[in-house]
Amino acid sequence: MQQSKGRIDDPAFFVVNHSIGGHVEIAERLHETAAAMSMIVLMTVAGAPLAMLGLSTPDLPQRNCIFMVHPQVTSAVFESKEGKIVFPDRPTEYPCSYARKKGVADIAFTNQNGWRFEVRIGRGDEGSWRASLADDAVLGRAFSPLGDRK
C-alpha cells in the first residue's frame, strides 16, 4: 500500500484490503483522531446497503474519494442498475469537491463513465445521493456513520 499523507490510502485513517473475491473491505482506524467526515454509506432508495464512499483527508475543498463495496451488499443490489453505475469497473480514486455550510456537507464528482455523483449529508449525519448522466438518474439514501466531528 502506497503511503502518502492526505490520500485515501493514508494508513493513519484507513486500511484497505483487497480480498480474493475482488471485494474491497475497509476498516476505519484511529476513530478518535479523524477530524473530518471520512466515510459515507450509500444505500438504495429502499435502504439496502450498496457502497461506502471513502473521503481523503485533510478536510479541503478538493479531496479524493473512492467507492468500496459495502460488506452487507447482496448480489441482487450489486447487479442492479445502481450497482452497475456505482461500480462500473475496478475501484478508482476520483477527485471530488467537498463543501460544508451550516451543518450540511456536499460532495460531488464524476466517475470514469461520465456519471455525475452528488451526495448531501445534513444534520443528524443523514442525507441522500444522486447519480445522473444526460436524462438518466438514480438516487438513494446516504449517511455518515462516523459523523462530521468539526
N, C-alpha and C. Protein backbone atom coordinates (compact mmCIF):
# COMPACT_ATOMS: atom_id res chain seq x y z
N MET A 1 0.84 -1.17 0.00
CA MET A 1 0.00 0.00 0.00
C MET A 1 0.89 1.23 0.00
N GLN A 2 0.67 2.12 -0.93
CA GLN A 2 1.42 3.37 -1.02
C GLN A 2 1.02 4.27 0.13
N GLN A 3 2.00 4.90 0.76
CA GLN A 3 1.70 5.78 1.87
C GLN A 3 1.96 7.22 1.45
N SER A 4 0.90 8.01 1.40
CA SER A 4 1.06 9.43 1.11
C SER A 4 0.01 10.20 1.89
N LYS A 5 0.46 11.14 2.68
CA LYS A 5 -0.43 11.88 3.57
C LYS A 5 -1.50 12.62 2.78
N GLY A 6 -2.73 12.58 3.29
CA GLY A 6 -3.83 13.30 2.67
C GLY A 6 -4.53 12.52 1.58
N ARG A 7 -4.20 11.27 1.41
CA ARG A 7 -4.85 10.46 0.38
C ARG A 7 -5.69 9.38 1.04
N ILE A 8 -6.57 8.79 0.25
CA ILE A 8 -7.46 7.75 0.75
C ILE A 8 -6.68 6.55 1.29
N ASP A 9 -5.45 6.34 0.81
CA ASP A 9 -4.65 5.21 1.27
C ASP A 9 -3.72 5.58 2.43
N ASP A 10 -3.93 6.74 3.05
CA ASP A 10 -3.15 7.16 4.20
C ASP A 10 -3.43 6.19 5.35
N PRO A 11 -2.44 5.41 5.82
CA PRO A 11 -2.70 4.40 6.85
C PRO A 11 -3.11 4.98 8.18
N ALA A 12 -2.94 6.27 8.39
CA ALA A 12 -3.39 6.88 9.65
C ALA A 12 -4.90 6.92 9.73
N PHE A 13 -5.59 6.76 8.60
CA PHE A 13 -7.04 6.85 8.62
C PHE A 13 -7.73 5.59 8.11
N PHE A 14 -7.15 4.90 7.15
CA PHE A 14 -7.82 3.74 6.59
C PHE A 14 -6.84 2.61 6.34
N VAL A 15 -7.35 1.40 6.43
CA VAL A 15 -6.63 0.23 5.96
C VAL A 15 -7.53 -0.39 4.90
N VAL A 16 -7.03 -0.51 3.68
CA VAL A 16 -7.83 -1.05 2.59
C VAL A 16 -7.24 -2.41 2.23
N ASN A 17 -8.05 -3.43 2.24
CA ASN A 17 -7.62 -4.77 1.90
C ASN A 17 -8.43 -5.26 0.71
N HIS A 18 -7.76 -5.82 -0.28
CA HIS A 18 -8.44 -6.41 -1.41
C HIS A 18 -8.54 -7.91 -1.16
N SER A 19 -9.74 -8.44 -1.10
CA SER A 19 -9.91 -9.86 -0.83
C SER A 19 -9.79 -10.64 -2.13
N ILE A 20 -9.68 -11.95 -2.02
CA ILE A 20 -9.56 -12.82 -3.19
C ILE A 20 -10.78 -12.70 -4.08
N GLY A 21 -11.96 -12.49 -3.52
CA GLY A 21 -13.18 -12.39 -4.30
C GLY A 21 -13.33 -11.07 -5.04
N GLY A 22 -12.39 -10.18 -4.95
CA GLY A 22 -12.46 -8.92 -5.67
C GLY A 22 -13.17 -7.82 -4.92
N HIS A 23 -13.71 -8.14 -3.77
CA HIS A 23 -14.39 -7.11 -2.97
C HIS A 23 -13.37 -6.29 -2.21
N VAL A 24 -13.69 -5.07 -1.98
CA VAL A 24 -12.81 -4.19 -1.21
C VAL A 24 -13.43 -4.01 0.16
N GLU A 25 -12.63 -4.27 1.17
CA GLU A 25 -13.10 -4.10 2.54
C GLU A 25 -12.38 -2.92 3.14
N ILE A 26 -13.07 -2.21 3.98
CA ILE A 26 -12.43 -1.05 4.62
C ILE A 26 -12.67 -1.10 6.12
N ALA A 27 -11.66 -0.78 6.85
CA ALA A 27 -11.78 -0.71 8.31
C ALA A 27 -11.32 0.67 8.74
N GLU A 28 -12.19 1.41 9.41
CA GLU A 28 -11.81 2.73 9.90
C GLU A 28 -10.85 2.55 11.06
N ARG A 29 -9.78 3.35 11.08
CA ARG A 29 -8.73 3.21 12.07
C ARG A 29 -8.52 4.55 12.76
N LEU A 30 -8.19 4.52 14.00
CA LEU A 30 -7.97 5.73 14.79
C LEU A 30 -9.19 6.64 14.76
N HIS A 31 -10.32 6.08 15.09
CA HIS A 31 -11.61 6.77 15.04
C HIS A 31 -11.57 8.12 15.77
N GLU A 32 -10.94 8.16 16.91
CA GLU A 32 -10.94 9.38 17.70
C GLU A 32 -10.10 10.49 17.09
N THR A 33 -9.12 10.18 16.23
CA THR A 33 -8.24 11.21 15.70
C THR A 33 -8.71 11.76 14.36
N ALA A 34 -9.65 11.12 13.71
CA ALA A 34 -10.12 11.62 12.42
C ALA A 34 -10.95 12.87 12.65
N ALA A 35 -10.59 13.98 12.01
CA ALA A 35 -11.23 15.25 12.29
C ALA A 35 -12.44 15.51 11.41
N ALA A 36 -12.42 15.12 10.16
CA ALA A 36 -13.49 15.46 9.23
C ALA A 36 -14.24 14.21 8.79
N MET A 37 -15.37 14.45 8.13
CA MET A 37 -16.14 13.34 7.58
C MET A 37 -15.23 12.54 6.65
N SER A 38 -15.13 11.25 6.86
CA SER A 38 -14.21 10.44 6.08
C SER A 38 -14.87 9.25 5.39
N MET A 39 -16.14 8.96 5.71
CA MET A 39 -16.81 7.84 5.07
C MET A 39 -18.31 8.10 5.03
N ILE A 40 -18.91 7.75 3.90
CA ILE A 40 -20.35 7.87 3.73
C ILE A 40 -20.87 6.55 3.19
N VAL A 41 -21.95 6.04 3.77
CA VAL A 41 -22.58 4.82 3.30
C VAL A 41 -23.69 5.19 2.33
N LEU A 42 -23.67 4.60 1.13
CA LEU A 42 -24.72 4.80 0.14
C LEU A 42 -25.63 3.59 0.13
N MET A 43 -26.94 3.85 0.10
CA MET A 43 -27.94 2.80 0.08
C MET A 43 -28.90 3.06 -1.07
N THR A 44 -29.65 2.05 -1.43
CA THR A 44 -30.70 2.23 -2.42
C THR A 44 -31.83 3.05 -1.79
N VAL A 45 -32.80 3.45 -2.61
CA VAL A 45 -33.96 4.17 -2.08
C VAL A 45 -34.68 3.34 -1.03
N ALA A 46 -34.68 2.01 -1.21
CA ALA A 46 -35.34 1.11 -0.27
C ALA A 46 -34.52 0.89 1.01
N GLY A 47 -33.28 1.40 1.04
CA GLY A 47 -32.46 1.27 2.25
C GLY A 47 -31.50 0.09 2.24
N ALA A 48 -31.34 -0.59 1.11
CA ALA A 48 -30.39 -1.71 1.03
C ALA A 48 -28.97 -1.17 0.90
N PRO A 49 -28.02 -1.67 1.70
CA PRO A 49 -26.64 -1.20 1.62
C PRO A 49 -26.05 -1.46 0.24
N LEU A 50 -25.32 -0.47 -0.29
CA LEU A 50 -24.72 -0.60 -1.61
C LEU A 50 -23.21 -0.37 -1.56
N ALA A 51 -22.80 0.78 -1.08
CA ALA A 51 -21.38 1.13 -1.14
C ALA A 51 -20.98 2.02 0.02
N MET A 52 -19.67 2.11 0.21
CA MET A 52 -19.10 3.07 1.14
C MET A 52 -18.23 3.99 0.31
N LEU A 53 -18.40 5.28 0.52
CA LEU A 53 -17.60 6.28 -0.17
C LEU A 53 -16.56 6.79 0.82
N GLY A 54 -15.30 6.46 0.57
CA GLY A 54 -14.22 6.91 1.42
C GLY A 54 -13.71 8.25 0.92
N LEU A 55 -13.52 9.19 1.85
CA LEU A 55 -13.03 10.53 1.51
C LEU A 55 -11.64 10.73 2.10
N SER A 56 -10.76 11.30 1.31
CA SER A 56 -9.40 11.55 1.78
C SER A 56 -9.39 12.66 2.82
N THR A 57 -8.28 12.76 3.51
CA THR A 57 -8.06 13.84 4.45
C THR A 57 -6.84 14.59 3.96
N PRO A 58 -6.56 15.76 4.30
CA PRO A 58 -7.31 16.59 5.23
C PRO A 58 -8.58 17.15 4.60
N ASP A 59 -9.36 17.82 5.42
CA ASP A 59 -10.63 18.40 5.04
C ASP A 59 -10.38 19.66 4.21
N LEU A 60 -10.39 19.52 2.90
CA LEU A 60 -10.16 20.63 1.97
C LEU A 60 -11.30 20.70 0.98
N PRO A 61 -11.44 21.82 0.27
CA PRO A 61 -12.50 21.89 -0.75
C PRO A 61 -12.31 20.85 -1.86
N GLN A 62 -11.06 20.50 -2.17
CA GLN A 62 -10.79 19.46 -3.17
C GLN A 62 -10.21 18.26 -2.45
N ARG A 63 -10.94 17.13 -2.51
CA ARG A 63 -10.49 15.91 -1.85
C ARG A 63 -10.49 14.80 -2.87
N ASN A 64 -10.13 13.61 -2.45
CA ASN A 64 -10.23 12.43 -3.30
C ASN A 64 -11.20 11.48 -2.64
N CYS A 65 -11.91 10.70 -3.46
CA CYS A 65 -12.84 9.74 -2.91
C CYS A 65 -12.79 8.46 -3.72
N ILE A 66 -13.25 7.38 -3.11
CA ILE A 66 -13.25 6.07 -3.75
C ILE A 66 -14.44 5.27 -3.22
N PHE A 67 -15.11 4.54 -4.11
CA PHE A 67 -16.20 3.66 -3.70
C PHE A 67 -15.63 2.31 -3.28
N MET A 68 -16.20 1.77 -2.21
CA MET A 68 -15.87 0.42 -1.77
C MET A 68 -17.17 -0.35 -1.62
N VAL A 69 -17.14 -1.62 -1.92
CA VAL A 69 -18.32 -2.47 -1.79
C VAL A 69 -18.69 -2.55 -0.31
N HIS A 70 -19.96 -2.30 -0.01
CA HIS A 70 -20.42 -2.42 1.38
C HIS A 70 -20.39 -3.90 1.77
N PRO A 71 -19.92 -4.24 2.96
CA PRO A 71 -19.82 -5.65 3.33
C PRO A 71 -21.17 -6.38 3.40
N GLN A 72 -22.29 -5.66 3.45
CA GLN A 72 -23.60 -6.30 3.52
C GLN A 72 -24.36 -6.23 2.20
N VAL A 73 -23.69 -5.83 1.11
CA VAL A 73 -24.39 -5.74 -0.17
C VAL A 73 -24.80 -7.15 -0.62
N THR A 74 -25.99 -7.26 -1.19
CA THR A 74 -26.44 -8.53 -1.74
C THR A 74 -26.08 -8.59 -3.22
N SER A 75 -26.06 -9.78 -3.78
CA SER A 75 -25.73 -9.90 -5.21
C SER A 75 -26.79 -9.19 -6.05
N ALA A 76 -28.05 -9.20 -5.61
CA ALA A 76 -29.11 -8.53 -6.36
C ALA A 76 -28.86 -7.02 -6.42
N VAL A 77 -28.46 -6.42 -5.30
CA VAL A 77 -28.19 -4.98 -5.27
C VAL A 77 -26.93 -4.68 -6.07
N PHE A 78 -25.90 -5.51 -5.95
CA PHE A 78 -24.65 -5.30 -6.67
C PHE A 78 -24.89 -5.34 -8.19
N GLU A 79 -25.78 -6.22 -8.65
CA GLU A 79 -26.07 -6.36 -10.07
C GLU A 79 -27.18 -5.42 -10.55
N SER A 80 -27.76 -4.64 -9.65
CA SER A 80 -28.84 -3.72 -10.03
C SER A 80 -28.28 -2.54 -10.84
N LYS A 81 -29.18 -1.72 -11.35
CA LYS A 81 -28.76 -0.54 -12.10
C LYS A 81 -27.86 0.35 -11.23
N GLU A 82 -28.25 0.57 -9.98
CA GLU A 82 -27.45 1.39 -9.07
C GLU A 82 -26.07 0.79 -8.89
N GLY A 83 -26.01 -0.52 -8.70
CA GLY A 83 -24.73 -1.20 -8.51
C GLY A 83 -23.82 -1.08 -9.72
N LYS A 84 -24.36 -1.19 -10.90
CA LYS A 84 -23.56 -1.08 -12.13
C LYS A 84 -23.06 0.35 -12.34
N ILE A 85 -23.81 1.34 -11.88
CA ILE A 85 -23.38 2.74 -12.00
C ILE A 85 -22.29 3.05 -10.98
N VAL A 86 -22.48 2.62 -9.74
CA VAL A 86 -21.51 2.89 -8.68
C VAL A 86 -20.22 2.10 -8.90
N PHE A 87 -20.32 0.88 -9.40
CA PHE A 87 -19.16 0.01 -9.61
C PHE A 87 -19.04 -0.39 -11.09
N PRO A 88 -18.70 0.57 -11.98
CA PRO A 88 -18.64 0.25 -13.41
C PRO A 88 -17.42 -0.57 -13.79
N ASP A 89 -16.39 -0.57 -12.98
CA ASP A 89 -15.11 -1.18 -13.33
C ASP A 89 -14.36 -1.42 -12.04
N ARG A 90 -13.07 -1.42 -12.11
CA ARG A 90 -12.25 -1.60 -10.90
C ARG A 90 -12.35 -0.36 -10.02
N PRO A 91 -12.02 -0.46 -8.72
CA PRO A 91 -12.06 0.71 -7.86
C PRO A 91 -11.15 1.81 -8.39
N THR A 92 -11.68 3.02 -8.44
CA THR A 92 -10.95 4.18 -8.97
C THR A 92 -11.07 5.34 -7.99
N GLU A 93 -9.98 6.04 -7.80
CA GLU A 93 -9.98 7.22 -6.95
C GLU A 93 -10.38 8.42 -7.80
N TYR A 94 -11.36 9.18 -7.34
CA TYR A 94 -11.87 10.34 -8.07
C TYR A 94 -11.56 11.63 -7.32
N PRO A 95 -11.18 12.69 -8.04
CA PRO A 95 -11.12 14.00 -7.37
C PRO A 95 -12.55 14.46 -7.11
N CYS A 96 -12.82 14.95 -5.93
CA CYS A 96 -14.18 15.38 -5.61
C CYS A 96 -14.17 16.71 -4.88
N SER A 97 -15.24 17.45 -5.05
CA SER A 97 -15.38 18.70 -4.31
C SER A 97 -16.08 18.39 -3.00
N TYR A 98 -15.74 19.14 -1.98
CA TYR A 98 -16.31 18.94 -0.64
C TYR A 98 -16.57 20.32 -0.06
N ALA A 99 -17.84 20.61 0.20
CA ALA A 99 -18.20 21.91 0.77
C ALA A 99 -19.11 21.68 1.97
N ARG A 100 -18.85 22.44 3.03
CA ARG A 100 -19.67 22.31 4.23
C ARG A 100 -20.18 23.70 4.60
N LYS A 101 -21.51 23.81 4.71
CA LYS A 101 -22.13 25.08 5.11
C LYS A 101 -23.31 24.78 6.02
N LYS A 102 -23.36 25.46 7.15
CA LYS A 102 -24.49 25.38 8.08
C LYS A 102 -24.94 23.95 8.37
N GLY A 103 -23.99 23.09 8.68
CA GLY A 103 -24.33 21.72 9.06
C GLY A 103 -24.62 20.78 7.91
N VAL A 104 -24.40 21.21 6.68
CA VAL A 104 -24.65 20.37 5.51
C VAL A 104 -23.34 20.19 4.75
N ALA A 105 -23.02 18.95 4.40
CA ALA A 105 -21.83 18.65 3.60
C ALA A 105 -22.29 18.20 2.21
N ASP A 106 -21.71 18.81 1.17
CA ASP A 106 -21.98 18.44 -0.22
C ASP A 106 -20.71 17.92 -0.85
N ILE A 107 -20.81 16.73 -1.44
CA ILE A 107 -19.69 16.09 -2.13
C ILE A 107 -20.14 15.86 -3.57
N ALA A 108 -19.27 16.17 -4.54
CA ALA A 108 -19.63 15.97 -5.94
C ALA A 108 -18.41 15.52 -6.73
N PHE A 109 -18.63 14.61 -7.69
CA PHE A 109 -17.56 14.13 -8.56
C PHE A 109 -18.18 13.41 -9.76
N THR A 110 -17.37 13.14 -10.76
CA THR A 110 -17.80 12.41 -11.95
C THR A 110 -16.96 11.15 -12.06
N ASN A 111 -17.63 9.99 -12.30
CA ASN A 111 -16.88 8.74 -12.40
C ASN A 111 -16.33 8.55 -13.82
N GLN A 112 -15.63 7.45 -14.04
CA GLN A 112 -14.96 7.21 -15.31
C GLN A 112 -15.93 6.99 -16.47
N ASN A 113 -17.20 6.75 -16.19
CA ASN A 113 -18.19 6.56 -17.25
C ASN A 113 -19.05 7.80 -17.46
N GLY A 114 -18.69 8.91 -16.82
CA GLY A 114 -19.40 10.16 -17.03
C GLY A 114 -20.58 10.41 -16.12
N TRP A 115 -20.87 9.51 -15.18
CA TRP A 115 -21.96 9.72 -14.23
C TRP A 115 -21.54 10.76 -13.21
N ARG A 116 -22.37 11.76 -13.02
CA ARG A 116 -22.12 12.83 -12.06
C ARG A 116 -22.79 12.47 -10.73
N PHE A 117 -21.99 12.32 -9.69
CA PHE A 117 -22.48 11.96 -8.37
C PHE A 117 -22.56 13.21 -7.50
N GLU A 118 -23.68 13.34 -6.79
CA GLU A 118 -23.86 14.42 -5.82
C GLU A 118 -24.39 13.79 -4.54
N VAL A 119 -23.66 14.01 -3.46
CA VAL A 119 -24.02 13.46 -2.15
C VAL A 119 -24.21 14.62 -1.20
N ARG A 120 -25.30 14.60 -0.46
CA ARG A 120 -25.56 15.64 0.53
C ARG A 120 -25.86 14.98 1.87
N ILE A 121 -25.07 15.36 2.87
CA ILE A 121 -25.26 14.86 4.23
C ILE A 121 -25.61 16.06 5.10
N GLY A 122 -26.76 15.98 5.77
CA GLY A 122 -27.23 17.09 6.59
C GLY A 122 -27.10 16.81 8.07
N ARG A 123 -27.85 17.54 8.82
CA ARG A 123 -27.86 17.37 10.27
C ARG A 123 -28.29 15.95 10.61
N GLY A 124 -27.73 15.41 11.66
CA GLY A 124 -28.02 14.04 12.03
C GLY A 124 -27.24 13.04 11.21
N ASP A 125 -26.29 13.52 10.39
CA ASP A 125 -25.42 12.68 9.57
C ASP A 125 -26.17 11.84 8.55
N GLU A 126 -27.37 12.28 8.14
CA GLU A 126 -28.16 11.56 7.14
C GLU A 126 -28.39 12.45 5.93
N GLY A 127 -28.62 11.82 4.79
CA GLY A 127 -28.86 12.59 3.58
C GLY A 127 -29.23 11.71 2.41
N SER A 128 -28.78 12.13 1.23
CA SER A 128 -29.13 11.42 0.01
C SER A 128 -28.00 11.51 -1.00
N TRP A 129 -28.09 10.67 -2.03
CA TRP A 129 -27.14 10.72 -3.14
C TRP A 129 -27.91 10.61 -4.45
N ARG A 130 -27.29 11.12 -5.50
CA ARG A 130 -27.89 11.09 -6.83
C ARG A 130 -26.76 10.95 -7.84
N ALA A 131 -26.97 10.12 -8.84
CA ALA A 131 -26.04 10.00 -9.96
C ALA A 131 -26.84 10.27 -11.22
N SER A 132 -26.30 11.13 -12.10
CA SER A 132 -27.02 11.47 -13.32
C SER A 132 -26.08 11.45 -14.52
N LEU A 133 -26.65 11.08 -15.65
CA LEU A 133 -25.95 11.06 -16.93
C LEU A 133 -26.98 11.39 -17.99
N ALA A 134 -26.85 12.55 -18.62
CA ALA A 134 -27.83 13.04 -19.60
C ALA A 134 -29.21 13.06 -18.95
N ASP A 135 -30.17 12.32 -19.51
CA ASP A 135 -31.54 12.31 -18.98
C ASP A 135 -31.80 11.17 -18.01
N ASP A 136 -30.78 10.40 -17.68
CA ASP A 136 -30.94 9.24 -16.79
C ASP A 136 -30.41 9.60 -15.40
N ALA A 137 -31.06 9.09 -14.36
CA ALA A 137 -30.62 9.34 -12.99
C ALA A 137 -31.05 8.21 -12.06
N VAL A 138 -30.23 7.99 -11.05
CA VAL A 138 -30.57 7.07 -9.95
C VAL A 138 -30.30 7.84 -8.67
N LEU A 139 -30.99 7.45 -7.61
CA LEU A 139 -30.78 8.12 -6.33
C LEU A 139 -31.00 7.16 -5.19
N GLY A 140 -30.61 7.59 -4.03
CA GLY A 140 -30.76 6.74 -2.85
C GLY A 140 -30.50 7.52 -1.58
N ARG A 141 -30.44 6.78 -0.49
CA ARG A 141 -30.21 7.36 0.83
C ARG A 141 -28.72 7.30 1.14
N ALA A 142 -28.27 8.16 2.07
CA ALA A 142 -26.87 8.18 2.48
C ALA A 142 -26.77 8.58 3.94
N PHE A 143 -25.72 8.13 4.60
CA PHE A 143 -25.44 8.58 5.96
C PHE A 143 -23.96 8.46 6.23
N SER A 144 -23.51 9.23 7.19
CA SER A 144 -22.11 9.20 7.61
C SER A 144 -22.04 8.56 8.99
N PRO A 145 -21.64 7.26 9.06
CA PRO A 145 -21.64 6.57 10.35
C PRO A 145 -20.64 7.15 11.34
N LEU A 146 -19.61 7.85 10.87
CA LEU A 146 -18.62 8.42 11.77
C LEU A 146 -18.90 9.89 12.04
N GLY A 147 -19.85 10.46 11.32
CA GLY A 147 -20.22 11.85 11.53
C GLY A 147 -19.19 12.83 11.02
N ASP A 148 -19.43 14.05 11.34
CA ASP A 148 -18.57 15.14 10.96
C ASP A 148 -18.16 15.82 12.23
N ARG A 149 -16.94 15.57 12.69
CA ARG A 149 -16.51 15.99 14.02
C ARG A 149 -15.93 17.38 14.07
N LYS A 150 -16.30 18.24 13.16
CA LYS A 150 -15.81 19.63 13.21
C LYS A 150 -16.90 20.52 13.68
